Every structure is written in structure tokens, then in C-alpha cells.
């Protein structure tokens, strides 16, 4: 596994946000969990708002924010999983 891998949430020819695959596993996991919790909180807050479904622009922006955070979290969890698998195999 390469030392630095780009996040997959943004299509760009030049990667500019990278994950350090050699970072401590607990740090990778914490970063993933933070992003997933942020999405959860954001969605829970929007559930409380009335008339959110009547504004397609707000819904689109909400979906984009959630997508970015979830992709980052999944990328981080993927690296964490690979690292854990490497430890088990060693």
C-alpha cells in the first residue's frame, strides 16, 4: 500500500487531500468516526426542521455535504481495515 493515497470524494487530476496510510490505526479510526458522526448529527438536525423537503437547493447541498463526509469516512475505514488485515496476516 502506498504511503499516501488520495481521498476518493473529489474528482481531480492532481490529488490534494491525502490519507497517510502509515498513521496510527487509532488516529485513522478516530478521523473516520468523526466524519461519520458529523453526518449523523447533520441529518438528525435536518429531521427536526420543517419544510426541508420543499427546498430542492437545500436538499442538494445537504446531500453533497453528507456525501463528502461519508466518502472521507469510508476511505479512512478502508485504510484502517487494510492495516488491521496486515497485522493479522503478519
PDB file of N, CA and C in Angstrom:
ATOM      1  N   UNK A   1       0.859  -1.172   0.000  1.00  0.00           N
ATOM      2  CA  UNK A   1       0.000   0.000   0.000  1.00  0.00           C
ATOM      3  C   UNK A   1       0.905   1.235   0.000  1.00  0.00           C
ATOM      4  N   UNK A   2       0.568   2.190  -0.863  1.00  0.00           N
ATOM      5  CA  UNK A   2       1.324   3.442  -0.917  1.00  0.00           C
ATOM      6  C   UNK A   2       1.202   4.185   0.407  1.00  0.00           C
ATOM      7  N   UNK A   3       2.220   4.962   0.732  1.00  0.00           N
ATOM      8  CA  UNK A   3       2.213   5.720   1.987  1.00  0.00           C
ATOM      9  C   UNK A   3       1.069   6.725   2.023  1.00  0.00           C
ATOM     10  N   UNK A   4       0.866   7.448   0.934  1.00  0.00           N
ATOM     11  CA  UNK A   4      -0.195   8.448   0.869  1.00  0.00           C
ATOM     12  C   UNK A   4      -1.146   8.088  -0.273  1.00  0.00           C
ATOM     13  N   UNK A   5      -2.426   8.057   0.031  1.00  0.00           N
ATOM     14  CA  UNK A   5      -3.418   7.803  -1.007  1.00  0.00           C
ATOM     15  C   UNK A   5      -4.429   8.951  -1.001  1.00  0.00           C
ATOM     16  N   UNK A   6      -4.901   9.333  -2.188  1.00  0.00           N
ATOM     17  CA  UNK A   6      -5.862  10.437  -2.244  1.00  0.00           C
ATOM     18  C   UNK A   6      -7.245   9.992  -1.775  1.00  0.00           C
ATOM     19  N   UNK A   7      -8.000  10.921  -1.232  1.00  0.00           N
ATOM     20  CA  UNK A   7      -9.389  10.620  -0.912  1.00  0.00           C
ATOM     21  C   UNK A   7     -10.136  10.488  -2.231  1.00  0.00           C
ATOM     22  N   UNK A   8     -11.216   9.736  -2.212  1.00  0.00           N
ATOM     23  CA  UNK A   8     -11.959   9.479  -3.451  1.00  0.00           C
ATOM     24  C   UNK A   8     -13.128  10.427  -3.640  1.00  0.00           C
ATOM     25  N   UNK A   9     -13.381  11.294  -2.692  1.00  0.00           N
ATOM     26  CA  UNK A   9     -14.560  12.137  -2.739  1.00  0.00           C
ATOM     27  C   UNK A   9     -14.510  13.290  -3.716  1.00  0.00           C
ATOM     28  N   UNK A  10     -13.386  13.518  -4.361  1.00  0.00           N
ATOM     29  CA  UNK A  10     -13.273  14.653  -5.264  1.00  0.00           C
ATOM     30  C   UNK A  10     -12.535  14.220  -6.517  1.00  0.00           C
ATOM     31  N   UNK A  11     -13.180  14.379  -7.653  1.00  0.00           N
ATOM     32  CA  UNK A  11     -12.533  14.042  -8.919  1.00  0.00           C
ATOM     33  C   UNK A  11     -11.593  15.163  -9.323  1.00  0.00           C
ATOM     34  N   UNK A  12     -10.334  14.834  -9.365  1.00  0.00           N
ATOM     35  CA  UNK A  12      -9.325  15.833  -9.714  1.00  0.00           C
ATOM     36  C   UNK A  12      -8.097  15.100 -10.231  1.00  0.00           C
ATOM     37  N   UNK A  13      -7.463  15.641 -11.246  1.00  0.00           N
ATOM     38  CA  UNK A  13      -6.260  15.008 -11.801  1.00  0.00           C
ATOM     39  C   UNK A  13      -5.065  15.113 -10.866  1.00  0.00           C
ATOM     40  N   UNK A  14      -5.066  16.134 -10.028  1.00  0.00           N
ATOM     41  CA  UNK A  14      -3.961  16.334  -9.087  1.00  0.00           C
ATOM     42  C   UNK A  14      -4.511  16.157  -7.674  1.00  0.00           C
ATOM     43  N   UNK A  15      -4.210  15.020  -7.023  1.00  0.00           N
ATOM     44  CA  UNK A  15      -4.729  14.818  -5.666  1.00  0.00           C
ATOM     45  C   UNK A  15      -4.141  15.841  -4.702  1.00  0.00           C
ATOM     46  N   UNK A  16      -4.999  16.374  -3.856  1.00  0.00           N
ATOM     47  CA  UNK A  16      -4.534  17.401  -2.918  1.00  0.00           C
ATOM     48  C   UNK A  16      -4.914  17.086  -1.487  1.00  0.00           C
ATOM     49  N   UNK A  17      -5.815  16.157  -1.269  1.00  0.00           N
ATOM     50  CA  UNK A  17      -6.121  15.684   0.078  1.00  0.00           C
ATOM     51  C   UNK A  17      -5.738  14.214   0.146  1.00  0.00           C
ATOM     52  N   UNK A  18      -4.806  13.915   1.015  1.00  0.00           N
ATOM     53  CA  UNK A  18      -4.237  12.570   1.069  1.00  0.00           C
ATOM     54  C   UNK A  18      -4.413  11.960   2.455  1.00  0.00           C
ATOM     55  N   UNK A  19      -4.507  10.647   2.482  1.00  0.00           N
ATOM     56  CA  UNK A  19      -4.541   9.893   3.733  1.00  0.00           C
ATOM     57  C   UNK A  19      -3.165   9.272   3.929  1.00  0.00           C
ATOM     58  N   UNK A  20      -2.597   9.466   5.090  1.00  0.00           N
ATOM     59  CA  UNK A  20      -1.320   8.845   5.441  1.00  0.00           C
ATOM     60  C   UNK A  20      -1.625   7.429   5.915  1.00  0.00           C
ATOM     61  N   UNK A  21      -1.345   6.455   5.070  1.00  0.00           N
ATOM     62  CA  UNK A  21      -1.690   5.069   5.397  1.00  0.00           C
ATOM     63  C   UNK A  21      -0.835   4.506   6.527  1.00  0.00           C
ATOM     64  N   UNK A  22       0.216   5.213   6.901  1.00  0.00           N
ATOM     65  CA  UNK A  22       1.065   4.752   7.986  1.00  0.00           C
ATOM     66  C   UNK A  22       0.766   5.470   9.305  1.00  0.00           C
ATOM     67  N   UNK A  23      -0.273   6.300   9.311  1.00  0.00           N
ATOM     68  CA  UNK A  23      -0.684   6.951  10.555  1.00  0.00           C
ATOM     69  C   UNK A  23      -1.148   5.875  11.535  1.00  0.00           C
ATOM     70  N   UNK A  24      -1.079   6.133  12.822  1.00  0.00           N
ATOM     71  CA  UNK A  24      -1.551   5.140  13.792  1.00  0.00           C
ATOM     72  C   UNK A  24      -3.007   4.756  13.511  1.00  0.00           C
ATOM     73  N   UNK A  25      -3.316   3.477  13.681  1.00  0.00           N
ATOM     74  CA  UNK A  25      -4.647   2.969  13.374  1.00  0.00           C
ATOM     75  C   UNK A  25      -5.716   3.692  14.187  1.00  0.00           C
ATOM     76  N   UNK A  26      -5.435   3.990  15.442  1.00  0.00           N
ATOM     77  CA  UNK A  26      -6.448   4.672  16.246  1.00  0.00           C
ATOM     78  C   UNK A  26      -6.728   6.075  15.725  1.00  0.00           C
ATOM     79  N   UNK A  27      -5.734   6.724  15.146  1.00  0.00           N
ATOM     80  CA  UNK A  27      -5.919   8.056  14.573  1.00  0.00           C
ATOM     81  C   UNK A  27      -6.769   7.966  13.304  1.00  0.00           C
ATOM     82  N   UNK A  28      -6.493   6.978  12.457  1.00  0.00           N
ATOM     83  CA  UNK A  28      -7.293   6.774  11.252  1.00  0.00           C
ATOM     84  C   UNK A  28      -8.750   6.480  11.611  1.00  0.00           C
ATOM     85  N   UNK A  29      -8.941   5.602  12.590  1.00  0.00           N
ATOM     86  CA  UNK A  29     -10.294   5.240  13.014  1.00  0.00           C
ATOM     87  C   UNK A  29     -11.019   6.447  13.597  1.00  0.00           C
ATOM     88  N   UNK A  30     -10.332   7.220  14.421  1.00  0.00           N
ATOM     89  CA  UNK A  30     -10.949   8.398  15.021  1.00  0.00           C
ATOM     90  C   UNK A  30     -11.363   9.413  13.956  1.00  0.00           C
ATOM     91  N   UNK A  31     -10.528   9.607  12.943  1.00  0.00           N
ATOM     92  CA  UNK A  31     -10.862  10.542  11.865  1.00  0.00           C
ATOM     93  C   UNK A  31     -12.090  10.064  11.092  1.00  0.00           C
ATOM     94  N   UNK A  32     -12.173   8.764  10.840  1.00  0.00           N
ATOM     95  CA  UNK A  32     -13.344   8.202  10.153  1.00  0.00           C
ATOM     96  C   UNK A  32     -14.592   8.359  11.008  1.00  0.00           C
ATOM     97  N   UNK A  33     -14.492   8.006  12.267  1.00  0.00           N
ATOM     98  CA  UNK A  33     -15.641   8.089  13.173  1.00  0.00           C
ATOM     99  C   UNK A  33     -16.121   9.528  13.313  1.00  0.00           C
ATOM    100  N   UNK A  34     -15.212  10.479  13.347  1.00  0.00           N
ATOM    101  CA  UNK A  34     -15.571  11.894  13.457  1.00  0.00           C
ATOM    102  C   UNK A  34     -16.425  12.337  12.271  1.00  0.00           C
ATOM    103  N   UNK A  35     -16.024  11.938  11.075  1.00  0.00           N
ATOM    104  CA  UNK A  35     -16.768  12.319   9.881  1.00  0.00           C
ATOM    105  C   UNK A  35     -18.140  11.657   9.835  1.00  0.00           C
ATOM    106  N   UNK A  36     -18.208  10.412  10.221  1.00  0.00           N
ATOM    107  CA  UNK A  36     -19.481   9.701  10.211  1.00  0.00           C
ATOM    108  C   UNK A  36     -20.418  10.271  11.270  1.00  0.00           C
ATOM    109  N   UNK A  37     -19.887  10.599  12.438  1.00  0.00           N
ATOM    110  CA  UNK A  37     -20.715  11.240  13.471  1.00  0.00           C
ATOM    111  C   UNK A  37     -21.208  12.614  13.017  1.00  0.00           C
ATOM    112  N   UNK A  38     -20.374  13.346  12.282  1.00  0.00           N
ATOM    113  CA  UNK A  38     -20.780  14.660  11.782  1.00  0.00           C
ATOM    114  C   UNK A  38     -21.956  14.521  10.819  1.00  0.00           C
ATOM    115  N   UNK A  39     -21.913  13.534   9.941  1.00  0.00           N
ATOM    116  CA  UNK A  39     -23.024  13.305   9.021  1.00  0.00           C
ATOM    117  C   UNK A  39     -24.274  12.924   9.796  1.00  0.00           C
ATOM    118  N   UNK A  40     -24.128  12.058  10.778  1.00  0.00           N
ATOM    119  CA  UNK A  40     -25.268  11.648  11.591  1.00  0.00           C
ATOM    120  C   UNK A  40     -25.911  12.849  12.265  1.00  0.00           C
ATOM    121  N   UNK A  41     -25.098  13.705  12.859  1.00  0.00           N
ATOM    122  CA  UNK A  41     -25.620  14.894  13.541  1.00  0.00           C
ATOM    123  C   UNK A  41     -26.307  15.833  12.558  1.00  0.00           C
ATOM    124  N   UNK A  42     -25.697  16.026  11.398  1.00  0.00           N
ATOM    125  CA  UNK A  42     -26.277  16.893  10.384  1.00  0.00           C
ATOM    126  C   UNK A  42     -27.646  16.375   9.940  1.00  0.00           C
ATOM    127  N   UNK A  43     -27.733  15.083   9.670  1.00  0.00           N
ATOM    128  CA  UNK A  43     -29.008  14.502   9.255  1.00  0.00           C
ATOM    129  C   UNK A  43     -30.046  14.568  10.370  1.00  0.00           C
ATOM    130  N   UNK A  44     -29.636  14.320  11.599  1.00  0.00           N
ATOM    131  CA  UNK A  44     -30.574  14.409  12.719  1.00  0.00           C
ATOM    132  C   UNK A  44     -31.108  15.829  12.887  1.00  0.00           C
ATOM    133  N   UNK A  45     -30.254  16.826  12.681  1.00  0.00           N
ATOM    134  CA  UNK A  45     -30.701  18.213  12.777  1.00  0.00           C
ATOM    135  C   UNK A  45     -31.695  18.558  11.677  1.00  0.00           C
ATOM    136  N   UNK A  46     -31.475  18.055  10.486  1.00  0.00           N
ATOM    137  CA  UNK A  46     -32.396  18.350   9.394  1.00  0.00           C
ATOM    138  C   UNK A  46     -33.736  17.651   9.563  1.00  0.00           C
ATOM    139  N   UNK A  47     -33.752  16.533  10.251  1.00  0.00           N
ATOM    140  CA  UNK A  47     -35.020  15.850  10.530  1.00  0.00           C
ATOM    141  C   UNK A  47     -35.919  16.748  11.367  1.00  0.00           C
ATOM    142  N   UNK A  48     -35.321  17.545  12.227  1.00  0.00           N
ATOM    143  CA  UNK A  48     -36.080  18.416  13.116  1.00  0.00           C
ATOM    144  C   UNK A  48     -36.661  19.641  12.407  1.00  0.00           C
ATOM    145  N   UNK A  49     -36.084  20.016  11.278  1.00  0.00           N
ATOM    146  CA  UNK A  49     -36.551  21.211  10.575  1.00  0.00           C
ATOM    147  C   UNK A  49     -37.808  20.896   9.768  1.00  0.00           C
ATOM    148  N   UNK A  50     -38.721  21.831   9.773  1.00  0.00           N
ATOM    149  CA  UNK A  50     -39.928  21.671   8.971  1.00  0.00           C
ATOM    150  C   UNK A  50     -39.685  22.227   7.571  1.00  0.00           C
ATOM    151  N   UNK A  51     -40.410  21.700   6.619  1.00  0.00           N
ATOM    152  CA  UNK A  51     -40.402  22.173   5.227  1.00  0.00           C
ATOM    153  C   UNK A  51     -39.062  22.001   4.525  1.00  0.00           C
ATOM    154  N   UNK A  52     -38.194  21.140   5.033  1.00  0.00           N
ATOM    155  CA  UNK A  52     -36.904  20.934   4.368  1.00  0.00           C
ATOM    156  C   UNK A  52     -37.108  20.333   2.983  1.00  0.00           C
ATOM    157  N   UNK A  53     -38.137  19.500   2.852  1.00  0.00           N
ATOM    158  CA  UNK A  53     -38.393  18.852   1.571  1.00  0.00           C
ATOM    159  C   UNK A  53     -38.899  19.790   0.504  1.00  0.00           C
ATOM    160  N   UNK A  54     -39.309  20.987   0.865  1.00  0.00           N
ATOM    161  CA  UNK A  54     -39.846  21.919  -0.116  1.00  0.00           C
ATOM    162  C   UNK A  54     -38.769  22.753  -0.799  1.00  0.00           C
ATOM    163  N   UNK A  55     -37.520  22.634  -0.389  1.00  0.00           N
ATOM    164  CA  UNK A  55     -36.445  23.426  -0.977  1.00  0.00           C
ATOM    165  C   UNK A  55     -35.396  22.499  -1.587  1.00  0.00           C
ATOM    166  N   UNK A  56     -35.455  22.278  -2.906  1.00  0.00           N
ATOM    167  CA  UNK A  56     -34.514  21.351  -3.534  1.00  0.00           C
ATOM    168  C   UNK A  56     -33.053  21.790  -3.442  1.00  0.00           C
ATOM    169  N   UNK A  57     -32.799  23.082  -3.387  1.00  0.00           N
ATOM    170  CA  UNK A  57     -31.416  23.564  -3.279  1.00  0.00           C
ATOM    171  C   UNK A  57     -30.822  23.156  -1.935  1.00  0.00           C
ATOM    172  N   UNK A  58     -31.579  23.308  -0.874  1.00  0.00           N
ATOM    173  CA  UNK A  58     -31.104  22.916   0.452  1.00  0.00           C
ATOM    174  C   UNK A  58     -30.872  21.411   0.503  1.00  0.00           C
ATOM    175  N   UNK A  59     -31.787  20.658  -0.074  1.00  0.00           N
ATOM    176  CA  UNK A  59     -31.624  19.204  -0.095  1.00  0.00           C
ATOM    177  C   UNK A  59     -30.378  18.793  -0.872  1.00  0.00           C
ATOM    178  N   UNK A  60     -30.117  19.452  -1.981  1.00  0.00           N
ATOM    179  CA  UNK A  60     -28.938  19.139  -2.785  1.00  0.00           C
ATOM    180  C   UNK A  60     -27.651  19.461  -2.012  1.00  0.00           C
ATOM    181  N   UNK A  61     -27.631  20.589  -1.342  1.00  0.00           N
ATOM    182  CA  UNK A  61     -26.451  20.961  -0.557  1.00  0.00           C
ATOM    183  C   UNK A  61     -26.245  20.014   0.616  1.00  0.00           C
ATOM    184  N   UNK A  62     -27.334  19.612   1.254  1.00  0.00           N
ATOM    185  CA  UNK A  62     -27.254  18.646   2.340  1.00  0.00           C
ATOM    186  C   UNK A  62     -26.693  17.319   1.838  1.00  0.00           C
ATOM    187  N   UNK A  63     -27.212  16.864   0.706  1.00  0.00           N
ATOM    188  CA  UNK A  63     -26.739  15.597   0.143  1.00  0.00           C
ATOM    189  C   UNK A  63     -25.252  15.666  -0.206  1.00  0.00           C
ATOM    190  N   UNK A  64     -24.808  16.782  -0.750  1.00  0.00           N
ATOM    191  CA  UNK A  64     -23.398  16.939  -1.102  1.00  0.00           C
ATOM    192  C   UNK A  64     -22.515  16.911   0.143  1.00  0.00           C
ATOM    193  N   UNK A  65     -22.911  17.644   1.177  1.00  0.00           N
ATOM    194  CA  UNK A  65     -22.123  17.661   2.418  1.00  0.00           C
ATOM    195  C   UNK A  65     -22.039  16.257   3.020  1.00  0.00           C
ATOM    196  N   UNK A  66     -23.150  15.559   3.033  1.00  0.00           N
ATOM    197  CA  UNK A  66     -23.163  14.203   3.587  1.00  0.00           C
ATOM    198  C   UNK A  66     -22.299  13.264   2.760  1.00  0.00           C
ATOM    199  N   UNK A  67     -22.368  13.408   1.443  1.00  0.00           N
ATOM    200  CA  UNK A  67     -21.581  12.553   0.552  1.00  0.00           C
ATOM    201  C   UNK A  67     -20.086  12.743   0.769  1.00  0.00           C
ATOM    202  N   UNK A  68     -19.658  13.983   0.868  1.00  0.00           N
ATOM    203  CA  UNK A  68     -18.230  14.265   1.074  1.00  0.00           C
ATOM    204  C   UNK A  68     -17.751  13.650   2.382  1.00  0.00           C
ATOM    205  N   UNK A  69     -18.479  13.890   3.452  1.00  0.00           N
ATOM    206  CA  UNK A  69     -18.065  13.364   4.755  1.00  0.00           C
ATOM    207  C   UNK A  69     -18.100  11.841   4.790  1.00  0.00           C
ATOM    208  N   UNK A  70     -19.125  11.247   4.202  1.00  0.00           N
ATOM    209  CA  UNK A  70     -19.211   9.778   4.212  1.00  0.00           C
ATOM    210  C   UNK A  70     -18.122   9.145   3.357  1.00  0.00           C
ATOM    211  N   UNK A  71     -17.814   9.724   2.197  1.00  0.00           N
ATOM    212  CA  UNK A  71     -16.734   9.171   1.370  1.00  0.00           C
ATOM    213  C   UNK A  71     -15.401   9.256   2.104  1.00  0.00           C
ATOM    214  N   UNK A  72     -15.124  10.394   2.734  1.00  0.00           N
ATOM    215  CA  UNK A  72     -13.893  10.525   3.516  1.00  0.00           C
ATOM    216  C   UNK A  72     -13.850   9.458   4.606  1.00  0.00           C
ATOM    217  N   UNK A  73     -14.956   9.307   5.331  1.00  0.00           N
ATOM    218  CA  UNK A  73     -15.015   8.313   6.401  1.00  0.00           C
ATOM    219  C   UNK A  73     -14.802   6.902   5.882  1.00  0.00           C
ATOM    220  N   UNK A  74     -15.416   6.584   4.754  1.00  0.00           N
ATOM    221  CA  UNK A  74     -15.242   5.246   4.165  1.00  0.00           C
ATOM    222  C   UNK A  74     -13.805   5.022   3.706  1.00  0.00           C
ATOM    223  N   UNK A  75     -13.191   6.042   3.110  1.00  0.00           N
ATOM    224  CA  UNK A  75     -11.784   5.929   2.702  1.00  0.00           C
ATOM    225  C   UNK A  75     -10.901   5.650   3.916  1.00  0.00           C
ATOM    226  N   UNK A  76     -11.142   6.364   4.997  1.00  0.00           N
ATOM    227  CA  UNK A  76     -10.354   6.170   6.215  1.00  0.00           C
ATOM    228  C   UNK A  76     -10.595   4.782   6.814  1.00  0.00           C
ATOM    229  N   UNK A  77     -11.840   4.337   6.813  1.00  0.00           N
ATOM    230  CA  UNK A  77     -12.134   2.995   7.324  1.00  0.00           C
ATOM    231  C   UNK A  77     -11.504   1.918   6.446  1.00  0.00           C
ATOM    232  N   UNK A  78     -11.449   2.150   5.139  1.00  0.00           N
ATOM    233  CA  UNK A  78     -10.813   1.198   4.233  1.00  0.00           C
ATOM    234  C   UNK A  78      -9.335   1.039   4.568  1.00  0.00           C
ATOM    235  N   UNK A  79      -8.649   2.158   4.780  1.00  0.00           N
ATOM    236  CA  UNK A  79      -7.231   2.105   5.144  1.00  0.00           C
ATOM    237  C   UNK A  79      -7.066   1.412   6.494  1.00  0.00           C
ATOM    238  N   UNK A  80      -7.933   1.734   7.442  1.00  0.00           N
ATOM    239  CA  UNK A  80      -7.873   1.098   8.760  1.00  0.00           C
ATOM    240  C   UNK A  80      -8.042  -0.406   8.640  1.00  0.00           C
ATOM    241  N   UNK A  81      -9.008  -0.823   7.848  1.00  0.00           N
ATOM    242  CA  UNK A  81      -9.245  -2.249   7.648  1.00  0.00           C
ATOM    243  C   UNK A  81      -8.059  -2.955   7.011  1.00  0.00           C
ATOM    244  N   UNK A  82      -7.467  -2.319   6.015  1.00  0.00           N
ATOM    245  CA  UNK A  82      -6.280  -2.915   5.374  1.00  0.00           C
ATOM    246  C   UNK A  82      -5.120  -3.042   6.356  1.00  0.00           C
ATOM    247  N   UNK A  83      -4.941  -2.008   7.159  1.00  0.00           N
ATOM    248  CA  UNK A  83      -3.860  -2.051   8.151  1.00  0.00           C
ATOM    249  C   UNK A  83      -4.098  -3.161   9.163  1.00  0.00           C
ATOM    250  N   UNK A  84      -5.322  -3.294   9.630  1.00  0.00           N
ATOM    251  CA  UNK A  84      -5.642  -4.364  10.590  1.00  0.00           C
ATOM    252  C   UNK A  84      -5.434  -5.740   9.958  1.00  0.00           C
ATOM    253  N   UNK A  85      -5.833  -5.874   8.688  1.00  0.00           N
ATOM    254  CA  UNK A  85      -5.631  -7.146   7.989  1.00  0.00           C
ATOM    255  C   UNK A  85      -4.147  -7.466   7.847  1.00  0.00           C
ATOM    256  N   UNK A  86      -3.334  -6.458   7.592  1.00  0.00           N
ATOM    257  CA  UNK A  86      -1.884  -6.661   7.502  1.00  0.00           C
ATOM    258  C   UNK A  86      -1.332  -7.156   8.838  1.00  0.00           C
ATOM    259  N   UNK A  87      -1.822  -6.610   9.952  1.00  0.00           N
ATOM    260  CA  UNK A  87      -1.357  -7.049  11.266  1.00  0.00           C
ATOM    261  C   UNK A  87      -1.754  -8.494  11.532  1.00  0.00           C
ATOM    262  N   UNK A  88      -2.950  -8.872  11.109  1.00  0.00           N
ATOM    263  CA  UNK A  88      -3.418 -10.246  11.331  1.00  0.00           C
ATOM    264  C   UNK A  88      -2.587 -11.218  10.492  1.00  0.00           C
ATOM    265  N   UNK A  89      -2.257 -10.822   9.262  1.00  0.00           N
ATOM    266  CA  UNK A  89      -1.517 -11.681   8.344  1.00  0.00           C
ATOM    267  C   UNK A  89      -0.046 -11.816   8.714  1.00  0.00           C
ATOM    268  N   UNK A  90       0.476 -10.838   9.447  1.00  0.00           N
ATOM    269  CA  UNK A  90       1.918 -10.833   9.767  1.00  0.00           C
ATOM    270  C   UNK A  90       2.275 -11.825  10.855  1.00  0.00           C
TER     271      UNK A  90
END
